[in-house]
Amino acid sequence: MRYLIFSFVSLEILDGIMTHWSVKQGLVQEGNPFMAFIAGDGHFLLLKVTGAILSALVLWHLYRYFPRIALAVSSSIITFYGLVLAWNSSILFRI
């Protein structure tokens, strides 16, 4: 489970860095309407890192009581962020 949580946090932070840089360079616009107003701002990365750490703590706590659910959720999140990063990379390298 530690590896899954580490992977999840790493992927979310990498997504934040990639999004922050891309928006700041004017290459893309943030697609998430809730995050669009701070994307490219320094607060965006702080929010992504804080959110990743808090989510990891919740997953770790969940794992202690419901390990199968925590593993399924962690695996789903990793798959989601993997797909998001693949999509973002395909957009950036096409430009």
N, C-alpha and C. Protein backbone atom coordinates (compact mmCIF):
# COMPACT_ATOMS: atom_id res chain seq x y z
N MET A 1 0.82 -1.19 0.00
CA MET A 1 0.00 0.00 0.00
C MET A 1 0.87 1.25 0.00
N ARG A 2 2.02 1.17 0.65
CA ARG A 2 2.91 2.34 0.67
C ARG A 2 3.32 2.75 -0.73
N TYR A 3 3.59 1.75 -1.57
CA TYR A 3 4.01 2.06 -2.94
C TYR A 3 2.88 2.70 -3.72
N LEU A 4 1.66 2.23 -3.50
CA LEU A 4 0.52 2.82 -4.19
C LEU A 4 0.31 4.27 -3.76
N ILE A 5 0.41 4.51 -2.47
CA ILE A 5 0.22 5.88 -1.98
C ILE A 5 1.35 6.78 -2.48
N PHE A 6 2.57 6.27 -2.44
CA PHE A 6 3.69 7.06 -2.96
C PHE A 6 3.50 7.35 -4.45
N SER A 7 3.05 6.37 -5.20
CA SER A 7 2.80 6.56 -6.64
C SER A 7 1.70 7.59 -6.87
N PHE A 8 0.64 7.48 -6.10
CA PHE A 8 -0.47 8.42 -6.22
C PHE A 8 -0.01 9.86 -5.95
N VAL A 9 0.70 10.05 -4.84
CA VAL A 9 1.16 11.40 -4.48
C VAL A 9 2.12 11.92 -5.55
N SER A 10 3.02 11.08 -6.01
CA SER A 10 3.98 11.49 -7.05
C SER A 10 3.28 11.89 -8.33
N LEU A 11 2.31 11.09 -8.76
CA LEU A 11 1.59 11.40 -10.00
C LEU A 11 0.78 12.69 -9.88
N GLU A 12 0.15 12.89 -8.73
CA GLU A 12 -0.64 14.11 -8.56
C GLU A 12 0.25 15.35 -8.54
N ILE A 13 1.39 15.26 -7.88
CA ILE A 13 2.31 16.40 -7.85
C ILE A 13 2.90 16.64 -9.24
N LEU A 14 3.24 15.57 -9.95
CA LEU A 14 3.76 15.72 -11.32
C LEU A 14 2.71 16.36 -12.22
N ASP A 15 1.46 15.96 -12.06
CA ASP A 15 0.37 16.59 -12.81
C ASP A 15 0.29 18.08 -12.48
N GLY A 16 0.42 18.42 -11.21
CA GLY A 16 0.38 19.82 -10.81
C GLY A 16 1.51 20.63 -11.41
N ILE A 17 2.71 20.06 -11.38
CA ILE A 17 3.87 20.76 -11.95
C ILE A 17 3.70 20.95 -13.45
N MET A 18 3.26 19.89 -14.13
CA MET A 18 3.08 19.97 -15.58
C MET A 18 1.99 20.99 -15.93
N THR A 19 0.90 20.96 -15.21
CA THR A 19 -0.19 21.89 -15.47
C THR A 19 0.23 23.33 -15.17
N HIS A 20 0.87 23.52 -14.04
CA HIS A 20 1.32 24.86 -13.64
C HIS A 20 2.25 25.44 -14.72
N TRP A 21 3.22 24.67 -15.14
CA TRP A 21 4.18 25.15 -16.14
C TRP A 21 3.48 25.44 -17.47
N SER A 22 2.61 24.54 -17.90
CA SER A 22 1.93 24.69 -19.18
C SER A 22 1.02 25.91 -19.21
N VAL A 23 0.30 26.12 -18.12
CA VAL A 23 -0.60 27.28 -18.06
C VAL A 23 0.21 28.56 -17.97
N LYS A 24 1.26 28.54 -17.17
CA LYS A 24 2.10 29.73 -17.01
C LYS A 24 2.77 30.13 -18.34
N GLN A 25 3.13 29.16 -19.15
CA GLN A 25 3.74 29.43 -20.45
C GLN A 25 2.70 29.83 -21.51
N GLY A 26 1.43 29.68 -21.17
CA GLY A 26 0.37 30.03 -22.11
C GLY A 26 0.11 28.98 -23.16
N LEU A 27 0.57 27.75 -22.92
CA LEU A 27 0.41 26.68 -23.90
C LEU A 27 -0.97 26.04 -23.83
N VAL A 28 -1.54 25.99 -22.64
CA VAL A 28 -2.84 25.35 -22.44
C VAL A 28 -3.66 26.15 -21.44
N GLN A 29 -4.92 25.77 -21.30
CA GLN A 29 -5.78 26.31 -20.26
C GLN A 29 -6.21 25.14 -19.37
N GLU A 30 -6.37 25.42 -18.10
CA GLU A 30 -6.81 24.39 -17.17
C GLU A 30 -8.23 23.96 -17.52
N GLY A 31 -8.44 22.66 -17.65
CA GLY A 31 -9.75 22.14 -18.02
C GLY A 31 -10.71 21.99 -16.85
N ASN A 32 -10.19 21.95 -15.64
CA ASN A 32 -11.03 21.81 -14.46
C ASN A 32 -11.54 23.19 -14.06
N PRO A 33 -12.84 23.43 -14.16
CA PRO A 33 -13.37 24.77 -13.86
C PRO A 33 -13.14 25.20 -12.41
N PHE A 34 -13.00 24.27 -11.49
CA PHE A 34 -12.76 24.61 -10.10
C PHE A 34 -11.32 25.06 -9.85
N MET A 35 -10.40 24.62 -10.70
CA MET A 35 -9.00 24.96 -10.53
C MET A 35 -8.52 26.01 -11.52
N ALA A 36 -9.32 26.32 -12.52
CA ALA A 36 -8.89 27.22 -13.60
C ALA A 36 -8.50 28.60 -13.10
N PHE A 37 -9.15 29.09 -12.06
CA PHE A 37 -8.85 30.44 -11.60
C PHE A 37 -7.52 30.56 -10.87
N ILE A 38 -6.94 29.45 -10.41
CA ILE A 38 -5.63 29.55 -9.75
C ILE A 38 -4.53 28.81 -10.51
N ALA A 39 -4.87 28.14 -11.60
CA ALA A 39 -3.84 27.44 -12.38
C ALA A 39 -2.82 28.44 -12.91
N GLY A 40 -1.57 28.12 -12.78
CA GLY A 40 -0.51 29.03 -13.20
C GLY A 40 -0.06 29.94 -12.07
N ASP A 41 -0.78 29.94 -10.98
CA ASP A 41 -0.44 30.73 -9.80
C ASP A 41 0.33 29.84 -8.82
N GLY A 42 1.10 30.44 -7.96
CA GLY A 42 1.87 29.67 -6.98
C GLY A 42 0.98 28.91 -6.01
N HIS A 43 -0.23 29.40 -5.80
CA HIS A 43 -1.16 28.72 -4.90
C HIS A 43 -1.64 27.40 -5.48
N PHE A 44 -1.60 27.28 -6.78
CA PHE A 44 -2.04 26.04 -7.44
C PHE A 44 -1.18 24.87 -7.00
N LEU A 45 0.14 25.04 -7.04
CA LEU A 45 1.03 23.95 -6.63
C LEU A 45 0.88 23.64 -5.14
N LEU A 46 0.72 24.67 -4.35
CA LEU A 46 0.52 24.46 -2.91
C LEU A 46 -0.75 23.66 -2.67
N LEU A 47 -1.82 23.99 -3.38
CA LEU A 47 -3.08 23.27 -3.24
C LEU A 47 -2.94 21.82 -3.70
N LYS A 48 -2.24 21.60 -4.81
CA LYS A 48 -2.05 20.23 -5.31
C LYS A 48 -1.24 19.38 -4.34
N VAL A 49 -0.16 19.93 -3.81
CA VAL A 49 0.69 19.17 -2.86
C VAL A 49 -0.08 18.90 -1.57
N THR A 50 -0.76 19.92 -1.05
CA THR A 50 -1.54 19.75 0.17
C THR A 50 -2.66 18.72 -0.03
N GLY A 51 -3.33 18.82 -1.15
CA GLY A 51 -4.40 17.86 -1.46
C GLY A 51 -3.88 16.45 -1.59
N ALA A 52 -2.72 16.29 -2.21
CA ALA A 52 -2.13 14.96 -2.38
C ALA A 52 -1.76 14.36 -1.03
N ILE A 53 -1.17 15.16 -0.16
CA ILE A 53 -0.77 14.65 1.15
C ILE A 53 -1.99 14.32 2.00
N LEU A 54 -2.99 15.19 2.01
CA LEU A 54 -4.20 14.90 2.77
C LEU A 54 -4.92 13.66 2.24
N SER A 55 -4.98 13.52 0.94
CA SER A 55 -5.60 12.34 0.34
C SER A 55 -4.84 11.07 0.71
N ALA A 56 -3.52 11.16 0.71
CA ALA A 56 -2.71 10.00 1.09
C ALA A 56 -2.97 9.61 2.55
N LEU A 57 -3.09 10.60 3.41
CA LEU A 57 -3.38 10.29 4.82
C LEU A 57 -4.76 9.64 4.98
N VAL A 58 -5.73 10.13 4.25
CA VAL A 58 -7.07 9.53 4.30
C VAL A 58 -7.03 8.10 3.78
N LEU A 59 -6.33 7.87 2.68
CA LEU A 59 -6.22 6.51 2.14
C LEU A 59 -5.50 5.58 3.11
N TRP A 60 -4.47 6.06 3.76
CA TRP A 60 -3.74 5.23 4.71
C TRP A 60 -4.65 4.87 5.89
N HIS A 61 -5.41 5.83 6.36
CA HIS A 61 -6.34 5.57 7.46
C HIS A 61 -7.41 4.58 7.01
N LEU A 62 -7.93 4.77 5.82
CA LEU A 62 -8.94 3.85 5.27
C LEU A 62 -8.38 2.45 5.14
N TYR A 63 -7.13 2.35 4.75
CA TYR A 63 -6.48 1.04 4.57
C TYR A 63 -6.43 0.25 5.88
N ARG A 64 -6.27 0.93 6.97
CA ARG A 64 -6.20 0.24 8.26
C ARG A 64 -7.50 -0.48 8.59
N TYR A 65 -8.63 0.05 8.15
CA TYR A 65 -9.93 -0.53 8.48
C TYR A 65 -10.57 -1.28 7.32
N PHE A 66 -10.34 -0.81 6.10
CA PHE A 66 -10.93 -1.41 4.91
C PHE A 66 -9.86 -1.56 3.82
N PRO A 67 -8.96 -2.53 3.97
CA PRO A 67 -7.83 -2.63 3.04
C PRO A 67 -8.23 -2.85 1.59
N ARG A 68 -9.23 -3.64 1.32
CA ARG A 68 -9.61 -3.89 -0.08
C ARG A 68 -10.15 -2.63 -0.75
N ILE A 69 -10.95 -1.89 -0.02
CA ILE A 69 -11.49 -0.64 -0.57
C ILE A 69 -10.36 0.35 -0.83
N ALA A 70 -9.45 0.47 0.12
CA ALA A 70 -8.33 1.41 -0.03
C ALA A 70 -7.45 1.02 -1.22
N LEU A 71 -7.21 -0.27 -1.40
CA LEU A 71 -6.41 -0.72 -2.54
C LEU A 71 -7.12 -0.43 -3.85
N ALA A 72 -8.42 -0.66 -3.89
CA ALA A 72 -9.18 -0.39 -5.12
C ALA A 72 -9.20 1.10 -5.44
N VAL A 73 -9.41 1.92 -4.42
CA VAL A 73 -9.44 3.37 -4.62
C VAL A 73 -8.07 3.87 -5.06
N SER A 74 -7.02 3.42 -4.39
CA SER A 74 -5.66 3.84 -4.75
C SER A 74 -5.32 3.44 -6.18
N SER A 75 -5.64 2.23 -6.55
CA SER A 75 -5.36 1.76 -7.91
C SER A 75 -6.14 2.57 -8.94
N SER A 76 -7.38 2.90 -8.63
CA SER A 76 -8.20 3.71 -9.55
C SER A 76 -7.63 5.11 -9.71
N ILE A 77 -7.20 5.70 -8.61
CA ILE A 77 -6.63 7.05 -8.67
C ILE A 77 -5.34 7.05 -9.47
N ILE A 78 -4.51 6.04 -9.27
CA ILE A 78 -3.26 5.95 -10.03
C ILE A 78 -3.55 5.79 -11.51
N THR A 79 -4.52 4.97 -11.85
CA THR A 79 -4.90 4.81 -13.25
C THR A 79 -5.40 6.13 -13.83
N PHE A 80 -6.25 6.83 -13.08
CA PHE A 80 -6.77 8.11 -13.53
C PHE A 80 -5.65 9.11 -13.78
N TYR A 81 -4.75 9.28 -12.81
CA TYR A 81 -3.67 10.25 -12.98
C TYR A 81 -2.69 9.82 -14.08
N GLY A 82 -2.50 8.53 -14.24
CA GLY A 82 -1.67 8.06 -15.35
C GLY A 82 -2.26 8.46 -16.69
N LEU A 83 -3.58 8.30 -16.81
CA LEU A 83 -4.25 8.70 -18.06
C LEU A 83 -4.23 10.22 -18.25
N VAL A 84 -4.42 10.96 -17.17
CA VAL A 84 -4.36 12.43 -17.27
C VAL A 84 -2.98 12.88 -17.71
N LEU A 85 -1.94 12.31 -17.13
CA LEU A 85 -0.57 12.68 -17.51
C LEU A 85 -0.26 12.27 -18.95
N ALA A 86 -0.76 11.12 -19.37
CA ALA A 86 -0.56 10.71 -20.76
C ALA A 86 -1.26 11.69 -21.71
N TRP A 87 -2.47 12.08 -21.36
CA TRP A 87 -3.22 13.05 -22.17
C TRP A 87 -2.49 14.38 -22.23
N ASN A 88 -2.07 14.89 -21.06
CA ASN A 88 -1.37 16.16 -21.01
C ASN A 88 -0.07 16.11 -21.81
N SER A 89 0.65 15.02 -21.70
CA SER A 89 1.91 14.87 -22.45
C SER A 89 1.65 14.85 -23.95
N SER A 90 0.58 14.17 -24.37
CA SER A 90 0.29 14.13 -25.80
C SER A 90 -0.07 15.51 -26.33
N ILE A 91 -0.75 16.31 -25.52
CA ILE A 91 -1.10 17.68 -25.92
C ILE A 91 0.16 18.54 -26.00
N LEU A 92 1.01 18.46 -24.98
CA LEU A 92 2.20 19.30 -24.93
C LEU A 92 3.21 18.96 -26.02
N PHE A 93 3.38 17.69 -26.28
CA PHE A 93 4.38 17.31 -27.28
C PHE A 93 3.87 17.50 -28.70
N ARG A 94 2.58 17.71 -28.85
CA ARG A 94 2.02 17.99 -30.16
C ARG A 94 2.25 19.45 -30.53
N ILE A 95 2.37 20.32 -29.51
CA ILE A 95 2.53 21.76 -29.75
C ILE A 95 3.90 22.06 -30.30
